[in-house]
């Protein structure tokens, strides 16, 4: 029996009925629906609308339904709310029909989705913390190893490998913060909002909110039943997580090529070619790039679904569920794969160091030395540019030029300048907060570890 069939003389068109059902995908909200239903049952009992015996029978029935799960795809069931009500009547008897007293599916789905997003945000924060911990460990292992940094995908300046890895740690730490912010805003309870105007019974909304772990109740019943800002914000945060993963994956793909040779792909996260026996392909990273598009598309889908809706609930909002489910599940899987990959990838540190000492990447440090001797920067830039051009012509590096050749470029080769051209000196001269000087990177590592510990503590408290 439909939850709304009393108003109608006949049943719906079978094709339309099958098409409009959400149970095939919203049945994953069964744990949230059960939790919200228990809270509502308690409120009904407190309001004198369920006896103690009826409350106990209802709670036992709900617990049985949760244990059994919602794996059966009964074509007569519209959605997860209908499923729970139908099953409750079957396992608890007539009292099962009392549970819907004073509530609406509009507030139910708003509450269930908030509970789902909150749970997924907590789970993803834990996964991101594990990923960041792996980056931090790889930073510790890298020590003072060097590599080229890039702008415009061209070699720029030498940096520490640990400095490069910490750049990704910073991205994922921001993602942790954004998920926490999102969680704080969504953590309010819509139960008691009714269909649109608020419950018609004296239900204790605050008690239901406390039981479900919400910080507060929603302030306006019209907004509560139609709001999907929290879902949109969550999907957008996941888009940024995915973008950061995709940028990392792209560098893994590039750096694993023979042309770079900076990393060796872990076999556990690679595949072969059906045609070419020698191949080892970075499929894990390529799929992360590809699935990022899917997550961004889900966020866009949510925005478009909500953009023209009048207040309050409209059936369009049913279409906001699957993008949330898919984004959450795909993003969690991507983070897990990235964590495993980063734990097992091999960094070819000798190859990275060799690349960091070719291509005149000490040119900016040389210009900086001239500036410290009183040469205006623009003039120093030009003079070192002449020296770089000479190196290109002779196929050598700046440190290979003779004193006479430096003089041809208008520069005196002093012991101090020669010292400034070494890799260690080039790295060390970036001695500012956020720079790649070894001492600064060690400070950055310590700060990252502190922020990670604080984020783990906050995630534990939130959960």
Protein backbone atom coordinates (compact mmCIF):
# COMPACT_ATOMS: atom_id res chain seq x y z
CA UNK A 1 0.00 0.00 0.00
CA UNK A 2 1.29 3.47 -0.89
CA UNK A 3 1.81 5.91 1.94
CA UNK A 4 -0.47 8.34 0.09
CA UNK A 5 -2.98 6.05 -1.66
CA UNK A 6 -6.09 7.14 0.25
CA UNK A 7 -6.49 10.26 -1.87
CA UNK A 8 -6.50 8.35 -5.17
CA UNK A 9 -9.15 6.21 -6.86
CA UNK A 10 -6.64 4.19 -8.83
CA UNK A 11 -2.98 3.25 -8.87
CA UNK A 12 -0.22 5.04 -10.75
CA UNK A 13 0.94 4.15 -14.22
CA UNK A 14 3.27 1.14 -13.75
CA UNK A 15 6.07 2.64 -15.82
CA UNK A 16 5.87 5.96 -13.98
CA UNK A 17 5.67 4.16 -10.65
CA UNK A 18 8.87 2.23 -11.34
CA UNK A 19 10.59 5.34 -12.69
CA UNK A 20 9.83 7.56 -9.70
CA UNK A 21 10.95 5.11 -7.01
CA UNK A 22 14.10 5.94 -5.06
CA UNK A 23 14.35 2.75 -2.98
CA UNK A 24 16.96 1.15 -5.30
CA UNK A 25 19.45 3.84 -4.22
CA UNK A 26 18.14 5.43 -1.01
CA UNK A 27 18.00 2.11 0.81
CA UNK A 28 21.61 2.80 1.76
CA UNK A 29 20.11 5.36 4.16
CA UNK A 30 18.54 2.59 6.24
CA UNK A 31 20.87 3.12 9.26
CA UNK A 32 20.08 6.84 9.26
CA UNK A 33 16.36 6.20 8.81
CA UNK A 34 16.33 3.76 11.70
CA UNK A 35 18.20 6.18 13.97
CA UNK A 36 15.86 9.07 13.12
CA UNK A 37 12.81 6.84 13.55
CA UNK A 38 13.96 5.78 17.01
CA UNK A 39 14.36 9.43 18.00
CA UNK A 40 10.90 10.25 16.64
CA UNK A 41 9.37 7.28 18.48
CA UNK A 42 10.89 8.56 21.71
CA UNK A 43 9.42 12.01 21.07
CA UNK A 44 5.99 10.47 20.43
CA UNK A 45 6.22 8.60 23.73
CA UNK A 46 7.27 11.76 25.58
CA UNK A 47 4.28 13.56 24.06
CA UNK A 48 1.91 10.83 25.29
CA UNK A 49 1.18 9.47 21.83
CA UNK A 50 2.90 6.09 22.29
CA UNK A 51 2.61 4.00 25.44
CA UNK A 52 5.73 2.50 26.97
CA UNK A 53 4.75 -0.90 25.61
CA UNK A 54 4.17 0.56 22.15
CA UNK A 55 7.50 2.37 22.29
CA UNK A 56 9.33 -0.82 23.26
CA UNK A 57 7.63 -2.79 20.48
CA UNK A 58 8.50 -0.06 17.97
CA UNK A 59 12.15 0.07 19.01
CA UNK A 60 12.47 -3.72 18.90
CA UNK A 61 10.94 -3.75 15.45
CA UNK A 62 13.27 -1.03 14.19
CA UNK A 63 16.30 -2.88 15.52
CA UNK A 64 15.16 -6.06 13.78
CA UNK A 65 14.74 -4.18 10.50
CA UNK A 66 18.24 -2.74 10.83
CA UNK A 67 19.71 -6.18 11.47
CA UNK A 68 17.92 -7.63 8.45
CA UNK A 69 18.95 -4.79 6.15
CA UNK A 70 17.27 -3.51 3.02
CA UNK A 71 18.78 -5.75 0.37
CA UNK A 72 15.50 -6.94 -1.14
CA UNK A 73 14.32 -4.77 -4.01
CA UNK A 74 10.55 -5.05 -3.55
CA UNK A 75 8.95 -3.25 -6.53
CA UNK A 76 6.05 -2.20 -4.32
CA UNK A 77 8.34 -0.12 -2.06
CA UNK A 78 8.76 3.54 -3.00
CA UNK A 79 11.64 4.60 -0.79
CA UNK A 80 13.51 3.80 2.39
CA UNK A 81 10.84 5.54 4.49
CA UNK A 82 8.11 3.40 2.96
CA UNK A 83 10.25 0.31 3.45
CA UNK A 84 10.72 0.93 7.18
CA UNK A 85 7.06 1.68 7.76
CA UNK A 86 5.93 -1.41 5.82
CA UNK A 87 8.42 -3.70 7.54
CA UNK A 88 7.64 -2.25 10.96
CA UNK A 89 3.95 -3.04 10.50
CA UNK A 90 4.91 -6.55 9.45
CA UNK A 91 7.21 -7.25 12.41
CA UNK A 92 5.55 -5.16 15.17
CA UNK A 93 1.92 -5.21 14.13
CA UNK A 94 -0.55 -2.33 14.10
CA UNK A 95 1.69 -0.14 16.24
CA UNK A 96 3.97 0.14 13.23
CA UNK A 97 1.46 2.45 11.58
CA UNK A 98 1.70 4.89 14.49
CA UNK A 99 5.35 5.79 13.86
CA UNK A 100 4.52 8.24 11.09
CA UNK A 101 2.33 10.28 13.44
CA UNK A 102 3.33 13.95 13.33
CA UNK A 103 6.08 13.62 10.72
CA UNK A 104 6.61 13.81 6.96
CA UNK A 105 8.97 12.19 4.51
CA UNK A 106 10.15 15.72 3.71
CA UNK A 107 11.74 16.11 7.14
CA UNK A 108 12.83 12.47 7.19
CA UNK A 109 14.97 12.68 4.08
CA UNK A 110 16.39 16.04 5.18
CA UNK A 111 17.44 14.43 8.46
CA UNK A 112 18.66 11.17 6.93
CA UNK A 113 20.84 12.99 4.42
CA UNK A 114 22.37 15.17 7.12
CA UNK A 115 23.18 12.07 9.15
CA UNK A 116 24.65 10.38 6.07
CA UNK A 117 26.79 13.37 5.06
CA UNK A 118 27.99 13.82 8.64
CA UNK A 119 29.03 10.17 8.82
CA UNK A 120 30.76 10.32 5.45
CA UNK A 121 32.56 13.55 6.38
CA UNK A 122 33.84 11.92 9.58
CA UNK A 123 34.97 8.83 7.72
CA UNK A 124 36.69 10.82 5.00
CA UNK A 125 38.50 12.96 7.56
CA UNK A 126 39.92 9.80 9.08
CA UNK A 127 41.02 8.57 5.65
CA UNK A 128 42.61 11.92 4.80
CA UNK A 129 44.45 11.89 8.12
CA UNK A 130 45.89 8.49 7.19
CA UNK A 131 46.96 9.80 3.79
CA UNK A 132 48.61 12.87 5.32
CA UNK A 133 50.38 10.64 7.83
CA UNK A 134 51.87 8.67 4.92
CA UNK A 135 53.07 11.89 3.27
CA UNK A 136 54.61 12.97 6.57
CA UNK A 137 56.41 9.64 6.89
CA UNK A 138 57.74 9.88 3.33
CA UNK A 139 58.94 13.41 4.15
CA UNK A 140 60.85 12.04 7.12
CA UNK A 141 62.37 9.30 4.96
CA UNK A 142 63.41 11.74 2.21
CA UNK A 143 65.59 13.78 4.57
CA UNK A 144 67.63 16.37 2.66
CA UNK A 145 67.28 14.74 -0.78
CA UNK A 146 66.83 17.24 -3.62
CA UNK A 147 64.79 17.41 -6.81
CA UNK A 148 63.84 20.00 -9.41
CA UNK A 149 60.76 22.13 -8.90
CA UNK A 150 58.80 23.21 -11.95
CA UNK A 151 56.91 26.20 -13.27
CA UNK A 152 55.19 25.98 -16.64
CA UNK A 153 56.34 22.32 -16.46
CA UNK A 154 59.90 23.57 -17.01
CA UNK A 155 62.66 23.07 -14.47
CA UNK A 156 62.79 26.07 -12.14
CA UNK A 157 64.80 25.74 -8.91
CA UNK A 158 66.08 22.90 -6.77
CA UNK A 159 63.91 22.03 -3.76
CA UNK A 160 63.97 19.35 -1.14
CA UNK A 161 61.91 16.27 -1.99
CA UNK A 162 60.37 16.72 1.44
CA UNK A 163 59.35 20.28 0.52
CA UNK A 164 57.53 18.96 -2.56
CA UNK A 165 55.76 16.27 -0.52
CA UNK A 166 54.71 18.79 2.12
CA UNK A 167 53.00 20.83 -0.59
CA UNK A 168 50.51 17.98 -0.96
CA UNK A 169 50.21 17.61 2.80
CA UNK A 170 49.17 21.27 2.92
CA UNK A 171 46.43 20.66 0.35
CA UNK A 172 45.00 17.71 2.24
CA UNK A 173 45.23 19.53 5.58
CA UNK A 174 43.07 22.28 4.07
CA UNK A 175 40.65 19.59 2.93
CA UNK A 176 40.48 18.31 6.51
CA UNK A 177 39.61 21.81 7.70
CA UNK A 178 36.96 22.28 5.02
CA UNK A 179 35.29 18.99 5.92
CA UNK A 180 35.24 20.08 9.55
CA UNK A 181 33.68 23.41 8.61
CA UNK A 182 31.09 21.67 6.46
CA UNK A 183 30.26 19.26 9.27
CA UNK A 184 29.76 22.09 11.76
CA UNK A 185 27.25 23.83 9.49
CA UNK A 186 25.24 20.73 8.59
CA UNK A 187 24.95 19.38 12.12
CA UNK A 188 21.39 20.49 12.85
CA UNK A 189 18.26 18.39 13.14
CA UNK A 190 15.27 18.79 10.80
CA UNK A 191 13.00 16.42 12.73
CA UNK A 192 9.85 18.21 13.87
CA UNK A 193 9.69 20.35 10.74
CA UNK A 194 6.75 18.37 9.35
CA UNK A 195 5.96 18.61 5.68
CA UNK A 196 6.65 22.34 5.53
CA UNK A 197 5.06 24.28 8.42
CA UNK A 198 6.35 22.36 11.46
CA UNK A 199 4.97 19.39 13.38
CA UNK A 200 1.31 19.52 14.38
CA UNK A 201 2.12 17.79 17.68
CA UNK A 202 4.12 19.03 20.71
CA UNK A 203 7.29 17.09 19.89
CA UNK A 204 10.49 17.88 21.76
CA UNK A 205 12.75 18.80 18.86
CA UNK A 206 15.76 19.47 21.05
CA UNK A 207 15.56 16.04 22.66
CA UNK A 208 15.52 14.41 19.21
CA UNK A 209 18.49 16.53 18.13
CA UNK A 210 20.50 15.54 21.21
CA UNK A 211 19.71 11.84 20.74
CA UNK A 212 20.98 11.98 17.15
CA UNK A 213 24.13 13.91 18.03
CA UNK A 214 23.10 17.16 16.37
CA UNK A 215 24.32 20.45 17.80
CA UNK A 216 20.99 22.22 17.34
CA UNK A 217 17.62 22.13 15.60
CA UNK A 218 16.91 23.78 12.28
CA UNK A 219 15.52 27.30 12.69
CA UNK A 220 12.83 27.35 9.99
CA UNK A 221 10.62 24.48 8.88
CA UNK A 222 10.29 25.74 5.31
CA UNK A 223 14.03 26.01 4.90
CA UNK A 224 14.70 22.75 6.75
CA UNK A 225 12.64 20.60 4.40
CA UNK A 226 14.03 22.13 1.23
CA UNK A 227 17.62 22.93 2.18
CA UNK A 228 20.35 21.00 0.39
CA UNK A 229 23.12 23.53 0.94
CA UNK A 230 24.90 21.03 3.16
CA UNK A 231 24.89 18.42 0.40
CA UNK A 232 26.13 20.93 -2.17
CA UNK A 233 28.87 22.17 0.14
CA UNK A 234 29.93 18.61 0.93
CA UNK A 235 30.10 17.71 -2.76
CA UNK A 236 32.13 20.84 -3.48
CA UNK A 237 34.58 20.01 -0.70
CA UNK A 238 34.91 16.53 -2.18
CA UNK A 239 35.59 18.14 -5.56
CA UNK A 240 38.57 19.95 -4.06
CA UNK A 241 39.79 16.75 -2.41
CA UNK A 242 39.52 15.02 -5.77
CA UNK A 243 41.30 17.87 -7.57
CA UNK A 244 44.19 17.65 -5.13
CA UNK A 245 44.35 13.89 -5.61
CA UNK A 246 44.23 14.38 -9.37
CA UNK A 247 47.11 16.86 -9.34
CA UNK A 248 49.16 14.43 -7.27
CA UNK A 249 48.21 11.56 -9.60
CA UNK A 250 49.28 13.56 -12.64
CA UNK A 251 52.73 14.11 -11.17
CA UNK A 252 53.00 10.43 -10.33
CA UNK A 253 52.18 9.58 -13.95
CA UNK A 254 54.72 12.08 -15.28
CA UNK A 255 57.47 11.22 -12.80
CA UNK A 256 57.10 7.49 -13.49
CA UNK A 257 57.93 7.88 -17.18
CA UNK A 258 61.35 6.91 -18.47
CA UNK A 259 61.87 10.53 -19.46
CA UNK A 260 61.65 11.65 -15.81
CA UNK A 261 62.46 8.46 -13.93
CA UNK A 262 61.86 10.08 -10.54
CA UNK A 263 59.67 7.27 -9.19
CA UNK A 264 59.16 3.56 -9.74
CA UNK A 265 55.52 2.54 -9.88
CA UNK A 266 54.46 0.05 -7.21
CA UNK A 267 53.31 -3.16 -8.88
CA UNK A 268 50.37 -3.49 -6.49
CA UNK A 269 48.88 -0.30 -7.96
CA UNK A 270 49.82 -0.81 -11.60
CA UNK A 271 48.63 -2.95 -14.48
CA UNK A 272 50.19 -4.36 -17.64
CA UNK A 273 49.41 -4.20 -21.31
CA UNK A 274 47.49 -6.92 -23.14
CA UNK A 275 49.69 -6.30 -26.19
CA UNK A 276 53.10 -5.05 -25.00
CA UNK A 277 54.81 -7.38 -22.51
CA UNK A 278 57.21 -4.74 -21.17
CA UNK A 279 54.57 -2.26 -20.01
CA UNK A 280 53.75 -1.23 -16.44
CA UNK A 281 50.93 1.28 -16.52
CA UNK A 282 49.92 3.80 -13.81
CA UNK A 283 46.23 2.82 -13.92
CA UNK A 284 45.55 3.72 -10.28
CA UNK A 285 46.66 7.29 -10.87
CA UNK A 286 44.90 7.54 -14.21
CA UNK A 287 41.63 6.37 -12.65
CA UNK A 288 41.97 8.94 -9.89
CA UNK A 289 42.27 11.61 -12.58
CA UNK A 290 39.25 10.19 -14.40
CA UNK A 291 37.04 9.82 -11.33
CA UNK A 292 37.79 13.41 -10.36
CA UNK A 293 35.71 14.48 -13.35
CA UNK A 294 32.88 12.33 -12.05
CA UNK A 295 32.99 13.96 -8.62
CA UNK A 296 33.07 17.47 -10.07
CA UNK A 297 30.10 16.54 -12.27
CA UNK A 298 28.15 15.41 -9.21
CA UNK A 299 28.74 18.75 -7.49
CA UNK A 300 27.59 20.56 -10.62
CA UNK A 301 24.53 18.31 -10.82
CA UNK A 302 23.54 19.29 -7.28
CA UNK A 303 23.88 22.98 -8.02
CA UNK A 304 21.74 22.72 -11.14
CA UNK A 305 19.09 20.61 -9.41
CA UNK A 306 18.61 23.26 -6.72
CA UNK A 307 18.98 26.42 -8.78
CA UNK A 308 15.33 27.02 -9.75
CA UNK A 309 13.32 25.34 -7.01
CA UNK A 310 10.57 27.27 -5.25
CA UNK A 311 10.10 26.68 -1.53
CA UNK A 312 9.75 24.18 -0.03
CA UNK A 313 10.12 20.48 -0.89
CA UNK A 314 9.94 19.43 -4.53
CA UNK A 315 10.44 15.96 -5.97
CA UNK A 316 13.46 17.33 -7.84
CA UNK A 317 15.32 17.03 -4.55
CA UNK A 318 15.20 13.26 -4.89
CA UNK A 319 17.80 13.74 -7.61
CA UNK A 320 20.24 15.24 -5.09
CA UNK A 321 20.77 11.91 -3.34
CA UNK A 322 22.68 9.86 -5.90
CA UNK A 323 25.32 12.54 -6.60
CA UNK A 324 26.03 12.73 -2.87
CA UNK A 325 26.24 8.95 -2.53
CA UNK A 326 28.50 8.57 -5.54
CA UNK A 327 30.81 11.45 -4.61
CA UNK A 328 31.27 10.21 -1.06
CA UNK A 329 31.93 6.61 -2.05
CA UNK A 330 34.24 7.40 -4.96
CA UNK A 331 36.24 10.01 -3.03
CA UNK A 332 36.77 7.64 -0.11
CA UNK A 333 37.98 4.93 -2.47
CA UNK A 334 40.36 7.37 -4.18
CA UNK A 335 41.91 8.44 -0.89
CA UNK A 336 42.43 4.81 0.13
CA UNK A 337 44.13 4.00 -3.18
CA UNK A 338 46.36 7.08 -2.95
CA UNK A 339 47.35 6.13 0.59
CA UNK A 340 48.36 2.64 -0.49
CA UNK A 341 50.22 3.97 -3.51
CA UNK A 342 52.17 6.55 -1.48
CA UNK A 343 53.09 3.92 1.10
CA UNK A 344 54.73 1.71 -1.49
CA UNK A 345 56.03 3.98 -4.28
CA UNK A 346 59.82 4.13 -4.70
CA UNK A 347 61.51 7.52 -5.05
CA UNK A 348 64.62 7.38 -7.23
CA UNK A 349 66.51 9.97 -5.19
CA UNK A 350 69.77 9.79 -7.15
CA UNK A 351 67.95 10.52 -10.39
CA UNK A 352 66.06 13.37 -8.74
CA UNK A 353 69.25 14.90 -7.37
CA UNK A 354 70.97 14.67 -10.75
CA UNK A 355 68.03 16.48 -12.33
CA UNK A 356 68.26 19.16 -9.63
CA UNK A 357 71.86 19.98 -10.61
CA UNK A 358 71.44 20.39 -14.37
CA UNK A 359 69.90 23.13 -16.48
CA UNK A 360 71.45 26.09 -14.63
CA UNK A 361 68.87 25.90 -11.87
CA UNK A 362 71.27 27.76 -9.58
CA UNK A 363 70.87 30.87 -11.75
CA UNK A 364 68.45 32.64 -9.42
CA UNK A 365 70.69 31.99 -6.44
CA UNK A 366 73.60 33.45 -8.43
CA UNK A 367 71.57 36.55 -9.23
CA UNK A 368 70.67 36.81 -5.56
CA UNK A 369 74.36 36.79 -4.66
CA UNK A 370 75.03 39.68 -7.04
CA UNK A 371 72.14 41.59 -5.47
CA UNK A 372 73.71 41.15 -2.03
CA UNK A 373 76.91 42.73 -3.42
CA UNK A 374 74.94 45.82 -4.47
CA UNK A 375 74.00 45.02 -8.09
CA UNK A 376 70.38 46.02 -8.88
CA UNK A 377 68.26 42.90 -9.38
CA UNK A 378 67.23 43.68 -12.95
CA UNK A 379 70.89 44.15 -13.89
CA UNK A 380 71.89 40.99 -11.98
CA UNK A 381 69.14 39.08 -13.81
CA UNK A 382 70.54 40.23 -17.16
CA UNK A 383 74.15 39.39 -16.30
CA UNK A 384 73.33 35.89 -15.06
CA UNK A 385 71.17 35.45 -18.15
CA UNK A 386 74.25 36.07 -20.29
CA UNK A 387 76.14 33.44 -18.28
CA UNK A 388 73.28 30.95 -18.76
CA UNK A 389 73.36 31.58 -22.51
CA UNK A 390 77.08 30.88 -22.53
CA UNK A 391 76.46 27.60 -20.67
CA UNK A 392 73.86 26.59 -23.24
CA UNK A 393 76.33 27.27 -26.05
CA UNK A 394 79.11 25.29 -24.34
CA UNK A 395 76.91 22.51 -22.94
CA UNK A 396 77.96 23.08 -19.34
CA UNK A 397 76.64 24.39 -16.01
CA UNK A 398 77.30 27.74 -14.32
CA UNK A 399 79.72 26.16 -11.86
CA UNK A 400 81.77 24.87 -14.82
CA UNK A 401 82.50 28.33 -16.25
CA UNK A 402 86.03 29.65 -15.83
CA UNK A 403 86.85 33.00 -14.29
CA UNK A 404 87.57 34.34 -17.77
CA UNK A 405 84.21 33.17 -19.06
CA UNK A 406 82.43 34.80 -16.10
CA UNK A 407 84.33 37.97 -16.88
CA UNK A 408 83.07 37.83 -20.49
CA UNK A 409 79.59 38.06 -19.00
CA UNK A 410 80.51 41.05 -16.86
CA UNK A 411 80.78 39.11 -13.60
CA UNK A 412 83.76 38.55 -11.34
CA UNK A 413 84.05 34.95 -10.15
CA UNK A 414 84.74 35.22 -6.42
CA UNK A 415 85.02 32.39 -3.87
CA UNK A 416 81.70 33.56 -2.44
CA UNK A 417 79.95 33.29 -5.84
CA UNK A 418 81.45 29.84 -6.42
CA UNK A 419 80.10 28.73 -3.03
CA UNK A 420 76.65 30.08 -3.88
CA UNK A 421 76.45 27.77 -6.90
CA UNK A 422 76.52 24.49 -4.95
CA UNK A 423 73.26 22.59 -4.54
CA UNK A 424 73.40 22.83 -0.75
CA UNK A 425 73.90 26.58 -0.90
CA UNK A 426 71.09 27.04 -3.42
CA UNK A 427 68.72 25.09 -1.19
CA UNK A 428 69.88 26.91 1.92
CA UNK A 429 69.47 30.41 0.52
CA UNK A 430 65.67 30.00 0.52
CA UNK A 431 65.73 30.61 4.25
CA UNK A 432 62.28 32.10 4.81
CA UNK A 433 59.10 30.71 6.33
CA UNK A 434 57.63 28.35 3.76
CA UNK A 435 60.92 28.10 1.88
CA UNK A 436 62.87 24.98 0.95
CA UNK A 437 65.92 25.60 3.16
CA UNK A 438 66.43 22.38 5.14
CA UNK A 439 65.93 24.04 8.53
CA UNK A 440 62.67 25.64 7.33
CA UNK A 441 61.41 22.35 5.94
CA UNK A 442 62.10 20.65 9.26
CA UNK A 443 60.03 23.36 10.93
CA UNK A 444 57.27 22.86 8.36
CA UNK A 445 57.31 19.12 9.00
CA UNK A 446 56.91 19.68 12.73
CA UNK A 447 53.99 22.05 12.12
CA UNK A 448 52.34 19.58 9.76
CA UNK A 449 52.64 16.86 12.38
CA UNK A 450 51.07 19.15 14.99
CA UNK A 451 48.21 20.09 12.67
CA UNK A 452 47.64 16.46 11.79
CA UNK A 453 47.50 15.50 15.47
CA UNK A 454 45.06 18.32 16.17
CA UNK A 455 42.89 17.34 13.20
CA UNK A 456 42.82 13.72 14.36
CA UNK A 457 41.73 14.87 17.80
CA UNK A 458 39.03 17.11 16.37
CA UNK A 459 37.78 14.31 14.11
CA UNK A 460 37.57 11.96 17.11
CA UNK A 461 35.57 14.52 19.11
CA UNK A 462 33.25 15.16 16.12
CA UNK A 463 32.59 11.49 15.59
